[in-house]
C-alpha atoms as a PDB file:
ATOM      1  CA  MET A   1     138.116  28.927 -56.969  1.00  0.00           C
ATOM      2  CA  ASN A   2     135.477  31.673 -57.299  1.00  0.00           C
ATOM      3  CA  GLU A   3     137.137  34.263 -55.071  1.00  0.00           C
ATOM      4  CA  VAL A   4     136.170  37.343 -57.075  1.00  0.00           C
ATOM      5  CA  GLU A   5     135.284  39.338 -53.943  1.00  0.00           C
ATOM      6  CA  LYS A   6     138.640  38.780 -52.228  1.00  0.00           C
ATOM      7  CA  ILE A   7     141.307  38.040 -54.819  1.00  0.00           C
ATOM      8  CA  ARG A   8     142.031  41.650 -55.854  1.00  0.00           C
ATOM      9  CA  GLY A   9     142.813  42.747 -52.314  1.00  0.00           C
ATOM     10  CA  CYS A  10     144.966  39.667 -51.839  1.00  0.00           C
ATOM     11  CA  LEU A  11     147.036  40.248 -54.967  1.00  0.00           C
ATOM     12  CA  GLU A  12     147.386  43.987 -54.388  1.00  0.00           C
ATOM     13  CA  SER A  13     148.832  43.258 -50.952  1.00  0.00           C
ATOM     14  CA  VAL A  14     151.749  41.334 -52.525  1.00  0.00           C
ATOM     15  CA  ARG A  15     152.658  43.851 -55.228  1.00  0.00           C
ATOM     16  CA  PHE A  16     156.031  44.270 -53.493  1.00  0.00           C
ATOM     17  CA  CYS A  17     156.999  40.723 -54.564  1.00  0.00           C
ATOM     18  CA  ASP A  18     159.140  40.212 -57.680  1.00  0.00           C
ATOM     19  CA  GLU A  19     156.852  37.477 -58.990  1.00  0.00           C
ATOM     20  CA  VAL A  20     153.224  36.591 -58.303  1.00  0.00           C
ATOM     21  CA  VAL A  21     152.012  33.091 -59.231  1.00  0.00           C
ATOM     22  CA  VAL A  22     148.337  32.106 -59.046  1.00  0.00           C
ATOM     23  CA  VAL A  23     146.926  28.592 -59.314  1.00  0.00           C
ATOM     24  CA  ASP A  24     143.159  28.512 -59.875  1.00  0.00           C
ATOM     25  CA  SER A  25     140.830  25.519 -59.826  1.00  0.00           C
ATOM     26  CA  GLY A  26     137.840  26.108 -62.067  1.00  0.00           C
ATOM     27  CA  SER A  27     136.702  29.643 -61.232  1.00  0.00           C
ATOM     28  CA  SER A  28     133.689  30.859 -63.199  1.00  0.00           C
ATOM     29  CA  ASP A  29     133.003  34.230 -61.540  1.00  0.00           C
ATOM     30  CA  GLY A  30     135.690  36.549 -62.946  1.00  0.00           C
ATOM     31  CA  THR A  31     138.455  35.545 -60.548  1.00  0.00           C
ATOM     32  CA  VAL A  32     140.823  34.501 -63.341  1.00  0.00           C
ATOM     33  CA  ALA A  33     140.414  37.808 -65.196  1.00  0.00           C
ATOM     34  CA  ILE A  34     141.530  39.713 -62.096  1.00  0.00           C
ATOM     35  CA  CYS A  35     144.432  37.315 -61.627  1.00  0.00           C
ATOM     36  CA  ARG A  36     145.610  37.827 -65.198  1.00  0.00           C
ATOM     37  CA  GLU A  37     145.504  41.579 -64.602  1.00  0.00           C
ATOM     38  CA  LEU A  38     147.607  41.510 -61.417  1.00  0.00           C
ATOM     39  CA  ALA A  39     149.705  38.313 -61.457  1.00  0.00           C
ATOM     40  CA  ASP A  40     152.752  37.306 -63.504  1.00  0.00           C
ATOM     41  CA  VAL A  41     151.760  33.648 -63.896  1.00  0.00           C
ATOM     42  CA  VAL A  42     148.214  32.254 -63.833  1.00  0.00           C
ATOM     43  CA  VAL A  43     147.613  28.516 -64.162  1.00  0.00           C
ATOM     44  CA  GLU A  44     144.153  26.959 -64.353  1.00  0.00           C
ATOM     45  CA  THR A  45     144.046  23.330 -63.292  1.00  0.00           C
ATOM     46  CA  GLU A  46     141.966  20.693 -61.535  1.00  0.00           C
ATOM     47  CA  TRP A  47     141.810  20.386 -57.749  1.00  0.00           C
ATOM     48  CA  PRO A  48     144.081  17.536 -56.521  1.00  0.00           C
ATOM     49  CA  GLY A  49     143.785  18.415 -52.817  1.00  0.00           C
ATOM     50  CA  HIS A  50     145.135  21.127 -50.530  1.00  0.00           C
ATOM     51  CA  VAL A  51     148.678  19.800 -50.097  1.00  0.00           C
ATOM     52  CA  ALA A  52     149.193  18.808 -53.735  1.00  0.00           C
ATOM     53  CA  GLN A  53     147.800  22.088 -55.062  1.00  0.00           C
ATOM     54  CA  LYS A  54     150.076  24.211 -52.886  1.00  0.00           C
ATOM     55  CA  ASN A  55     153.094  22.147 -53.905  1.00  0.00           C
ATOM     56  CA  ARG A  56     152.063  22.657 -57.526  1.00  0.00           C
ATOM     57  CA  ALA A  57     152.107  26.423 -56.980  1.00  0.00           C
ATOM     58  CA  LEU A  58     155.461  26.139 -55.226  1.00  0.00           C
ATOM     59  CA  GLU A  59     156.966  24.347 -58.220  1.00  0.00           C
ATOM     60  CA  LEU A  60     155.855  27.190 -60.505  1.00  0.00           C
ATOM     61  CA  ALA A  61     157.678  29.838 -58.462  1.00  0.00           C
ATOM     62  CA  THR A  62     161.162  30.827 -59.619  1.00  0.00           C
ATOM     63  CA  GLY A  63     162.372  33.227 -56.937  1.00  0.00           C
ATOM     64  CA  ASP A  64     164.814  32.481 -54.137  1.00  0.00           C
ATOM     65  CA  TRP A  65     162.125  33.091 -51.503  1.00  0.00           C
ATOM     66  CA  VAL A  66     158.469  32.032 -51.424  1.00  0.00           C
ATOM     67  CA  LEU A  67     155.545  33.657 -49.612  1.00  0.00           C
ATOM     68  CA  PRO A  68     152.424  31.454 -49.980  1.00  0.00           C
ATOM     69  CA  ILE A  69     149.111  33.231 -49.420  1.00  0.00           C
ATOM     70  CA  ASP A  70     145.484  32.211 -49.839  1.00  0.00           C
ATOM     71  CA  ALA A  71     142.826  34.278 -51.603  1.00  0.00           C
ATOM     72  CA  ASP A  72     141.164  35.245 -48.321  1.00  0.00           C
ATOM     73  CA  GLU A  73     144.412  36.586 -46.832  1.00  0.00           C
ATOM     74  CA  ARG A  74     146.280  39.899 -47.038  1.00  0.00           C
ATOM     75  CA  VAL A  75     149.858  40.896 -46.303  1.00  0.00           C
ATOM     76  CA  THR A  76     149.770  44.032 -44.159  1.00  0.00           C
ATOM     77  CA  PRO A  77     151.927  47.014 -45.234  1.00  0.00           C
ATOM     78  CA  GLU A  78     153.943  46.571 -42.035  1.00  0.00           C
ATOM     79  CA  LEU A  79     154.704  42.942 -42.862  1.00  0.00           C
ATOM     80  CA  ALA A  80     155.574  43.801 -46.461  1.00  0.00           C
ATOM     81  CA  ALA A  81     158.082  46.413 -45.276  1.00  0.00           C
ATOM     82  CA  GLU A  82     159.530  43.975 -42.746  1.00  0.00           C
ATOM     83  CA  ILE A  83     160.021  41.273 -45.386  1.00  0.00           C
ATOM     84  CA  GLN A  84     161.673  43.690 -47.806  1.00  0.00           C
ATOM     85  CA  ALA A  85     164.065  44.946 -45.123  1.00  0.00           C
ATOM     86  CA  LEU A  86     164.864  41.403 -44.002  1.00  0.00           C
ATOM     87  CA  LEU A  87     165.757  40.149 -47.461  1.00  0.00           C
ATOM     88  CA  ALA A  88     167.683  43.302 -48.352  1.00  0.00           C
ATOM     89  CA  ALA A  89     169.824  42.885 -45.238  1.00  0.00           C
ATOM     90  CA  GLY A  90     170.373  39.172 -45.848  1.00  0.00           C
ATOM     91  CA  ALA A  91     168.122  36.772 -43.995  1.00  0.00           C
ATOM     92  CA  GLU A  92     169.864  34.498 -41.491  1.00  0.00           C
ATOM     93  CA  ALA A  93     167.119  31.871 -41.201  1.00  0.00           C
ATOM     94  CA  ASP A  94     165.765  29.549 -43.905  1.00  0.00           C
ATOM     95  CA  GLY A  95     162.138  30.249 -43.060  1.00  0.00           C
ATOM     96  CA  TYR A  96     160.032  32.570 -40.943  1.00  0.00           C
ATOM     97  CA  ARG A  97     156.843  32.130 -38.968  1.00  0.00           C
ATOM     98  CA  ILE A  98     154.196  34.798 -39.474  1.00  0.00           C
ATOM     99  CA  ASN A  99     151.139  35.407 -37.302  1.00  0.00           C
ATOM    100  CA  ARG A 100     147.677  35.406 -38.871  1.00  0.00           C
ATOM    101  CA  HIS A 101     145.091  37.828 -37.536  1.00  0.00           C
ATOM    102  CA  VAL A 102     141.547  36.637 -38.227  1.00  0.00           C
ATOM    103  CA  HIS A 103     138.549  38.922 -38.792  1.00  0.00           C
ATOM    104  CA  TYR A 104     135.379  37.006 -37.899  1.00  0.00           C
ATOM    105  CA  LEU A 105     131.764  38.207 -37.715  1.00  0.00           C
ATOM    106  CA  GLY A 106     132.613  41.864 -37.359  1.00  0.00           C
ATOM    107  CA  ARG A 107     135.626  41.810 -35.038  1.00  0.00           C
ATOM    108  CA  TRP A 108     139.291  40.864 -34.841  1.00  0.00           C
ATOM    109  CA  ILE A 109     139.846  37.637 -32.929  1.00  0.00           C
ATOM    110  CA  ASP A 110     142.696  37.859 -30.436  1.00  0.00           C
ATOM    111  CA  HIS A 111     142.281  34.651 -28.417  1.00  0.00           C
ATOM    112  CA  GLY A 112     140.872  31.131 -28.560  1.00  0.00           C
ATOM    113  CA  GLY A 113     143.899  29.747 -30.379  1.00  0.00           C
ATOM    114  CA  TRP A 114     143.143  31.874 -33.452  1.00  0.00           C
ATOM    115  CA  TYR A 115     145.790  34.471 -32.643  1.00  0.00           C
ATOM    116  CA  PRO A 116     148.710  34.755 -32.900  1.00  0.00           C
ATOM    117  CA  GLU A 117     148.689  31.288 -34.623  1.00  0.00           C
ATOM    118  CA  PRO A 118     152.249  31.524 -36.041  1.00  0.00           C
ATOM    119  CA  ARG A 119     152.900  29.505 -39.183  1.00  0.00           C
ATOM    120  CA  VAL A 120     155.897  29.197 -41.496  1.00  0.00           C
ATOM    121  CA  ARG A 121     154.960  31.302 -44.493  1.00  0.00           C
ATOM    122  CA  LEU A 122     158.172  32.869 -45.805  1.00  0.00           C
ATOM    123  CA  PHE A 123     160.919  30.419 -46.748  1.00  0.00           C
ATOM    124  CA  ARG A 124     163.779  29.754 -49.137  1.00  0.00           C
ATOM    125  CA  ARG A 125     162.605  27.883 -52.184  1.00  0.00           C
ATOM    126  CA  GLY A 126     164.194  24.442 -51.989  1.00  0.00           C
ATOM    127  CA  LYS A 127     164.165  24.430 -48.192  1.00  0.00           C
ATOM    128  CA  GLY A 128     160.426  24.028 -47.720  1.00  0.00           C
ATOM    129  CA  ARG A 129     157.606  21.935 -49.059  1.00  0.00           C
ATOM    130  CA  TRP A 130     153.951  21.490 -48.171  1.00  0.00           C
ATOM    131  CA  GLY A 131     152.962  18.478 -46.105  1.00  0.00           C
ATOM    132  CA  GLY A 132     150.372  17.550 -43.516  1.00  0.00           C
ATOM    133  CA  ILE A 133     147.059  15.733 -43.845  1.00  0.00           C
ATOM    134  CA  ASN A 134     144.346  17.233 -46.062  1.00  0.00           C
ATOM    135  CA  PRO A 135     142.716  19.632 -45.547  1.00  0.00           C
ATOM    136  CA  HIS A 136     145.211  20.925 -42.948  1.00  0.00           C
ATOM    137  CA  ASP A 137     148.399  21.638 -44.846  1.00  0.00           C
ATOM    138  CA  THR A 138     151.634  22.862 -43.276  1.00  0.00           C
ATOM    139  CA  VAL A 139     155.076  23.896 -44.505  1.00  0.00           C
ATOM    140  CA  LEU A 140     157.772  21.308 -43.783  1.00  0.00           C
ATOM    141  CA  LEU A 141     161.008  23.266 -43.514  1.00  0.00           C
ATOM    142  CA  LYS A 142     164.594  22.042 -43.515  1.00  0.00           C
ATOM    143  CA  GLY A 143     166.708  24.581 -41.695  1.00  0.00           C
ATOM    144  CA  ARG A 144     166.579  27.378 -39.166  1.00  0.00           C
ATOM    145  CA  VAL A 145     163.255  29.089 -38.438  1.00  0.00           C
ATOM    146  CA  GLY A 146     162.809  32.720 -37.404  1.00  0.00           C
ATOM    147  CA  HIS A 147     159.758  34.814 -36.536  1.00  0.00           C
ATOM    148  CA  LEU A 148     158.470  38.040 -38.066  1.00  0.00           C
ATOM    149  CA  ARG A 149     156.532  40.692 -36.150  1.00  0.00           C
ATOM    150  CA  GLY A 150     154.045  41.649 -38.876  1.00  0.00           C
ATOM    151  CA  ASP A 151     150.713  39.933 -39.505  1.00  0.00           C
ATOM    152  CA  ILE A 152     148.888  38.271 -42.355  1.00  0.00           C
ATOM    153  CA  VAL A 153     145.240  39.347 -42.230  1.00  0.00           C
ATOM    154  CA  HIS A 154     142.778  36.489 -42.687  1.00  0.00           C
ATOM    155  CA  TYR A 155     139.160  37.080 -43.728  1.00  0.00           C
ATOM    156  CA  THR A 156     138.393  33.469 -43.040  1.00  0.00           C
ATOM    157  CA  TYR A 157     134.570  33.127 -43.166  1.00  0.00           C
ATOM    158  CA  ASP A 158     131.947  35.397 -44.713  1.00  0.00           C
ATOM    159  CA  ASP A 159     129.309  34.394 -42.159  1.00  0.00           C
ATOM    160  CA  ILE A 160     128.223  31.480 -39.953  1.00  0.00           C
ATOM    161  CA  ALA A 161     126.712  29.645 -42.933  1.00  0.00           C
ATOM    162  CA  HIS A 162     130.066  29.829 -44.742  1.00  0.00           C
ATOM    163  CA  HIS A 163     131.809  28.604 -41.590  1.00  0.00           C
ATOM    164  CA  VAL A 164     129.477  25.600 -41.330  1.00  0.00           C
ATOM    165  CA  ARG A 165     129.795  24.770 -45.047  1.00  0.00           C
ATOM    166  CA  THR A 166     133.577  24.760 -44.719  1.00  0.00           C
ATOM    167  CA  LEU A 167     133.345  22.656 -41.570  1.00  0.00           C
ATOM    168  CA  ASN A 168     131.183  20.117 -43.386  1.00  0.00           C
ATOM    169  CA  SER A 169     133.590  19.917 -46.310  1.00  0.00           C
ATOM    170  CA  PHE A 170     136.727  19.742 -44.183  1.00  0.00           C
ATOM    171  CA  THR A 171     135.409  17.055 -41.837  1.00  0.00           C
ATOM    172  CA  SER A 172     134.510  14.842 -44.808  1.00  0.00           C
ATOM    173  CA  ILE A 173     138.036  15.225 -46.173  1.00  0.00           C
ATOM    174  CA  GLN A 174     139.639  14.649 -42.804  1.00  0.00           C
ATOM    175  CA  ALA A 175     137.544  11.566 -41.983  1.00  0.00           C
ATOM    176  CA  ARG A 176     138.422  10.090 -45.380  1.00  0.00           C
ATOM    177  CA  GLU A 177     142.130  10.850 -44.933  1.00  0.00           C
ATOM    178  CA  GLN A 178     142.224   9.432 -41.411  1.00  0.00           C
ATOM    179  CA  GLY A 179     140.413   6.287 -42.497  1.00  0.00           C
ATOM    180  CA  ALA A 180     142.904   5.797 -45.315  1.00  0.00           C
ATOM    181  CA  ARG A 181     145.726   6.063 -42.778  1.00  0.00           C
ATOM    182  CA  GLY A 182     144.221   3.400 -40.530  1.00  0.00           C
ATOM    183  CA  ARG A 183     142.689   5.690 -37.917  1.00  0.00           C
ATOM    184  CA  ARG A 184     139.822   3.806 -36.229  1.00  0.00           C
ATOM    185  CA  PHE A 185     136.691   5.213 -34.665  1.00  0.00           C
ATOM    186  CA  THR A 186     136.285   5.062 -30.870  1.00  0.00           C
ATOM    187  CA  TRP A 187     133.326   6.127 -28.771  1.00  0.00           C
ATOM    188  CA  GLY A 188     135.700   7.789 -26.355  1.00  0.00           C
ATOM    189  CA  SER A 189     136.885  10.186 -29.036  1.00  0.00           C
ATOM    190  CA  LEU A 190     133.336  11.011 -30.133  1.00  0.00           C
ATOM    191  CA  LEU A 191     132.065  11.609 -26.588  1.00  0.00           C
ATOM    192  CA  LEU A 192     135.052  13.253 -24.912  1.00  0.00           C
ATOM    193  CA  ARG A 193     137.017  15.203 -27.490  1.00  0.00           C
ATOM    194  CA  PRO A 194     134.297  17.691 -28.561  1.00  0.00           C
ATOM    195  CA  PRO A 195     133.722  19.089 -25.027  1.00  0.00           C
ATOM    196  CA  LEU A 196     137.478  19.097 -24.433  1.00  0.00           C
ATOM    197  CA  GLU A 197     137.903  21.140 -27.619  1.00  0.00           C
ATOM    198  CA  PHE A 198     135.326  23.666 -26.419  1.00  0.00           C
ATOM    199  CA  CYS A 199     137.000  23.997 -23.016  1.00  0.00           C
ATOM    200  CA  LYS A 200     140.415  24.388 -24.593  1.00  0.00           C
ATOM    201  CA  LYS A 201     139.362  27.174 -26.941  1.00  0.00           C
ATOM    202  CA  TYR A 202     136.919  28.985 -24.676  1.00  0.00           C
ATOM    203  CA  PHE A 203     138.647  28.704 -21.297  1.00  0.00           C
ATOM    204  CA  LEU A 204     142.274  27.595 -21.669  1.00  0.00           C
ATOM    205  CA  LYS A 205     142.893  29.733 -24.783  1.00  0.00           C
ATOM    206  CA  ARG A 206     140.694  32.526 -23.341  1.00  0.00           C
ATOM    207  CA  GLY A 207     138.208  32.624 -26.188  1.00  0.00           C
ATOM    208  CA  TYR A 208     135.722  34.163 -23.752  1.00  0.00           C
ATOM    209  CA  ARG A 209     137.628  37.440 -24.149  1.00  0.00           C
ATOM    210  CA  ASP A 210     136.414  37.676 -27.758  1.00  0.00           C
ATOM    211  CA  GLY A 211     132.779  38.011 -26.683  1.00  0.00           C
ATOM    212  CA  ALA A 212     129.994  36.261 -28.551  1.00  0.00           C
ATOM    213  CA  GLN A 213     132.348  35.517 -31.431  1.00  0.00           C
ATOM    214  CA  GLY A 214     134.654  33.654 -29.066  1.00  0.00           C
ATOM    215  CA  PHE A 215     131.766  31.520 -27.821  1.00  0.00           C
ATOM    216  CA  LEU A 216     130.683  30.744 -31.395  1.00  0.00           C
ATOM    217  CA  ILE A 217     134.215  29.805 -32.416  1.00  0.00           C
ATOM    218  CA  ALA A 218     134.598  27.432 -29.464  1.00  0.00           C
ATOM    219  CA  SER A 219     131.183  25.882 -30.081  1.00  0.00           C
ATOM    220  CA  ILE A 220     131.669  25.381 -33.810  1.00  0.00           C
ATOM    221  CA  SER A 221     135.174  24.021 -33.188  1.00  0.00           C
ATOM    222  CA  ALA A 222     133.696  21.441 -30.811  1.00  0.00           C
ATOM    223  CA  PHE A 223     131.117  20.512 -33.435  1.00  0.00           C
ATOM    224  CA  TYR A 224     133.936  20.196 -35.979  1.00  0.00           C
ATOM    225  CA  VAL A 225     135.601  17.568 -33.790  1.00  0.00           C
ATOM    226  CA  PHE A 226     132.280  15.796 -33.201  1.00  0.00           C
ATOM    227  CA  LEU A 227     131.453  15.696 -36.909  1.00  0.00           C
ATOM    228  CA  LYS A 228     134.896  14.449 -37.861  1.00  0.00           C
ATOM    229  CA  PHE A 229     134.548  11.397 -35.619  1.00  0.00           C
ATOM    230  CA  ALA A 230     130.878  10.909 -36.507  1.00  0.00           C
ATOM    231  CA  LYS A 231     131.844  10.697 -40.181  1.00  0.00           C
ATOM    232  CA  LEU A 232     134.624   8.279 -39.346  1.00  0.00           C
ATOM    233  CA  TRP A 233     132.005   6.115 -37.578  1.00  0.00           C
ATOM    234  CA  GLU A 234     129.718   6.419 -40.609  1.00  0.00           C
ATOM    235  CA  ALA A 235     132.455   5.294 -42.988  1.00  0.00           C
ATOM    236  CA  GLU A 236     133.296   2.261 -40.837  1.00  0.00           C
ATOM    237  CA  ARG A 237     129.874   1.132 -39.637  1.00  0.00           C
ATOM    238  CA  VAL A 238     127.481   2.276 -42.390  1.00  0.00           C
ATOM    239  CA  GLY A 239     129.576   2.396 -45.539  1.00  0.00           C
ATOM    240  CA  PRO A 240     128.499   3.691 -48.956  1.00  0.00           C
ATOM    241  CA  ALA A 241     125.520   1.349 -49.513  1.00  0.00           C
ATOM    242  CA  ARG A 242     122.059   2.929 -49.551  1.00  0.00           C
ATOM    243  CA  PRO A 243     118.869   0.787 -49.758  1.00  0.00           C
ATOM    244  CA  TRP A 244     117.070   3.194 -52.087  1.00  0.00           C
ATOM    245  CA  ARG A 245     119.691   2.763 -54.804  1.00  0.00           C
ATOM    246  CA  ASP A 246     119.295  -0.046 -57.308  1.00  0.00           C
ATOM    247  CA  GLY A 247     121.678  -2.859 -56.447  1.00  0.00           C
ATOM    248  CA  ASP A 248     122.558  -1.603 -52.943  1.00  0.00           C
ATOM    249  CA  ALA A 249     121.911  -3.986 -50.070  1.00  0.00           C
END
């Protein structure tokens, strides 16, 4: 939705594919026009959630192999060549993990758990399906998994404000999903898990080697964890009622 600044580069990076399918959710900024120029199939639909939307795109694909990619990602030329050579030679595995390399606030992030961050991204259609808990989707693969050397480039956040907006949206979704699954709030989680998250990313995962950006990533990640549990507390202890609304207690 509304990815006019990034979608062209994304689609041009997958020109080597036999078929390009795009699912859009209400763009109003020219994104769809670019998609219709560069993609084979463009479907405009409502937003049912991260997992459901990616499975919807998967069902539209007709090829033997699927390479899911988000609008803010790019397939590097090296990875494209590697995939083409792999499939031409006859792939032995049913799916392949690919590393994502994130560009954040002016530099490439090489530590802090953000790289190499391998995820299954190339897989035989029929062997994989999206699962996980919104908003954190993951490919559930039946079969053997391999690993590719090339990277997917990820232009994840435009700036700190964009990072915080995404954090706010994602924590609301995650708190709602966890509540629906019976996850209960505990003070221990709220008090202990945020600093543990910072220490993990900044020290254990060596985020300090990414300079100021590494410190910001660790700090915002800790706040992400804090906000997720704070919103879970809010849902349990406060609820939807507001005294300034007519009829609310």
